[in-house]
Amino acid sequence: TSPLDANVHCMLGELYLTIGGKENLKLARKHLAQSLELEPTNLRALYGIVSAAETYLQLVEKSQLSSNSGKKKKAHDQQFDEEDVEMAKALYNYGVGKLSNSYKGTFMSSLLDMVLESEE
């Protein structure tokens, strides 16, 4: 396998996404972004990067809700860097935009909209 193989980076990203957790989601984003750098039309990597970014943002939201509910923080509670949060938002928007453009004018466009709305 080559470090320049977009499919390998895509598979690694999907594996990290499947495992989940803050650090694994950041690694998933990294590998999925590398896959897109090598092969910009890789729809699987686009879906993956949208999913990884959305899942990361859900973790951030969950963390904020638990801290606002008055629960005592434990030492192992996750802290989220604002730069990482902004990156996740940017990658989500990038992926959604690219996917929308890919399916524009096809019957798949409305299906894509339904899938993306169900994730929100």
Protein backbone atom coordinates (compact mmCIF):
# COMPACT_ATOMS: atom_id res chain seq x y z
CA THR A 1 0.00 0.00 0.00
CA SER A 2 1.11 3.51 -0.78
CA PRO A 3 0.77 6.59 1.41
CA LEU A 4 -0.58 8.23 -1.73
CA ASP A 5 -3.49 5.79 -2.03
CA ALA A 6 -6.73 7.72 -1.48
CA ASN A 7 -8.68 4.53 -0.79
CA VAL A 8 -6.37 3.53 2.06
CA HIS A 9 -6.80 6.94 3.71
CA CYS A 10 -10.55 6.68 3.22
CA MET A 11 -10.66 3.23 4.86
CA LEU A 12 -8.53 4.42 7.78
CA GLY A 13 -10.80 7.41 8.23
CA GLU A 14 -13.86 5.16 8.24
CA LEU A 15 -12.24 2.88 10.83
CA TYR A 16 -11.43 5.78 13.15
CA LEU A 17 -14.95 7.11 12.64
CA THR A 18 -16.42 3.73 13.55
CA ILE A 19 -14.33 3.50 16.73
CA GLY A 20 -15.47 6.99 17.74
CA GLY A 21 -14.29 9.26 20.52
CA LYS A 22 -12.76 12.69 20.32
CA GLU A 23 -9.24 11.77 19.24
CA ASN A 24 -10.37 9.08 16.81
CA LEU A 25 -12.79 11.51 15.17
CA LYS A 26 -9.94 13.97 14.67
CA LEU A 27 -7.86 11.20 13.08
CA ALA A 28 -10.84 10.24 10.91
CA ARG A 29 -11.10 13.83 9.66
CA LYS A 30 -7.38 13.88 8.94
CA HIS A 31 -7.42 10.70 6.86
CA LEU A 32 -10.65 11.54 5.06
CA ALA A 33 -9.30 14.99 4.20
CA GLN A 34 -6.09 13.37 2.88
CA SER A 35 -8.20 11.02 0.78
CA LEU A 36 -10.00 14.03 -0.70
CA GLU A 37 -6.71 15.80 -1.30
CA LEU A 38 -5.56 12.81 -3.34
CA GLU A 39 -8.92 12.16 -5.02
CA PRO A 40 -11.25 15.21 -4.79
CA THR A 41 -14.24 13.37 -6.31
CA ASN A 42 -14.22 10.53 -3.76
CA LEU A 43 -17.87 10.54 -2.67
CA ARG A 44 -17.25 7.97 0.04
CA ALA A 45 -14.65 10.25 1.64
CA LEU A 46 -17.03 13.21 1.35
CA TYR A 47 -19.78 11.31 3.16
CA GLY A 48 -17.22 10.21 5.74
CA ILE A 49 -15.93 13.70 6.40
CA VAL A 50 -19.49 14.99 6.84
CA SER A 51 -20.22 12.16 9.26
CA ALA A 52 -16.97 12.62 11.20
CA ALA A 53 -17.49 16.38 11.52
CA GLU A 54 -21.14 15.98 12.52
CA THR A 55 -20.31 13.34 15.13
CA TYR A 56 -17.52 15.51 16.55
CA LEU A 57 -19.89 18.49 16.79
CA GLN A 58 -22.45 16.28 18.55
CA LEU A 59 -19.79 15.34 21.12
CA VAL A 60 -19.06 19.02 21.67
CA GLU A 61 -22.76 19.78 22.13
CA LYS A 62 -23.21 16.85 24.52
CA SER A 63 -20.20 18.01 26.55
CA GLN A 64 -21.57 21.55 26.75
CA LEU A 65 -25.01 20.32 27.82
CA SER A 66 -23.56 18.15 30.58
CA SER A 67 -21.37 20.99 31.87
CA ASN A 68 -24.34 23.38 31.84
CA SER A 69 -26.55 20.94 33.74
CA GLY A 70 -24.46 21.41 36.86
CA LYS A 71 -22.79 18.01 36.86
CA LYS A 72 -19.40 17.98 38.50
CA LYS A 73 -16.56 17.71 36.06
CA LYS A 74 -14.33 14.71 36.28
CA ALA A 75 -10.66 14.74 35.41
CA HIS A 76 -11.28 12.63 32.31
CA ASP A 77 -14.05 14.90 30.90
CA GLN A 78 -13.30 15.93 27.36
CA GLN A 79 -12.13 19.45 26.61
CA PHE A 80 -12.70 20.72 23.09
CA ASP A 81 -10.36 23.18 21.43
CA GLU A 82 -12.26 26.01 19.72
CA GLU A 83 -10.01 25.67 16.67
CA ASP A 84 -10.99 21.99 16.32
CA VAL A 85 -14.66 22.92 16.62
CA GLU A 86 -14.31 25.55 13.89
CA MET A 87 -12.45 23.04 11.71
CA ALA A 88 -15.24 20.50 12.16
CA LYS A 89 -17.83 23.12 11.16
CA ALA A 90 -15.81 24.10 8.10
CA LEU A 91 -15.30 20.48 7.03
CA TYR A 92 -19.00 19.74 7.50
CA ASN A 93 -19.97 22.70 5.32
CA TYR A 94 -17.32 21.80 2.75
CA GLY A 95 -18.52 18.20 2.52
CA VAL A 96 -22.20 19.13 2.32
CA GLY A 97 -21.45 21.68 -0.40
CA LYS A 98 -19.42 19.24 -2.47
CA LEU A 99 -22.01 16.47 -2.09
CA SER A 100 -24.82 18.84 -3.06
CA ASN A 101 -22.89 19.93 -6.15
CA SER A 102 -22.16 16.31 -7.07
CA TYR A 103 -25.84 15.37 -7.07
CA LYS A 104 -27.24 18.67 -8.35
CA GLY A 105 -29.90 18.14 -11.00
CA THR A 106 -30.27 14.40 -10.34
CA PHE A 107 -32.95 12.41 -8.58
CA MET A 108 -30.38 11.72 -5.86
CA SER A 109 -30.39 15.39 -4.86
CA SER A 110 -33.63 15.10 -2.88
CA LEU A 111 -32.42 11.88 -1.23
CA LEU A 112 -29.20 13.59 -0.19
CA ASP A 113 -31.20 16.43 1.33
CA MET A 114 -33.27 13.95 3.36
CA VAL A 115 -30.15 12.15 4.62
CA LEU A 116 -28.45 15.38 5.62
CA GLU A 117 -31.59 16.66 7.36
CA SER A 118 -31.91 13.44 9.36
CA GLU A 119 -28.36 13.92 10.68
CA GLU A 120 -29.14 17.34 12.11
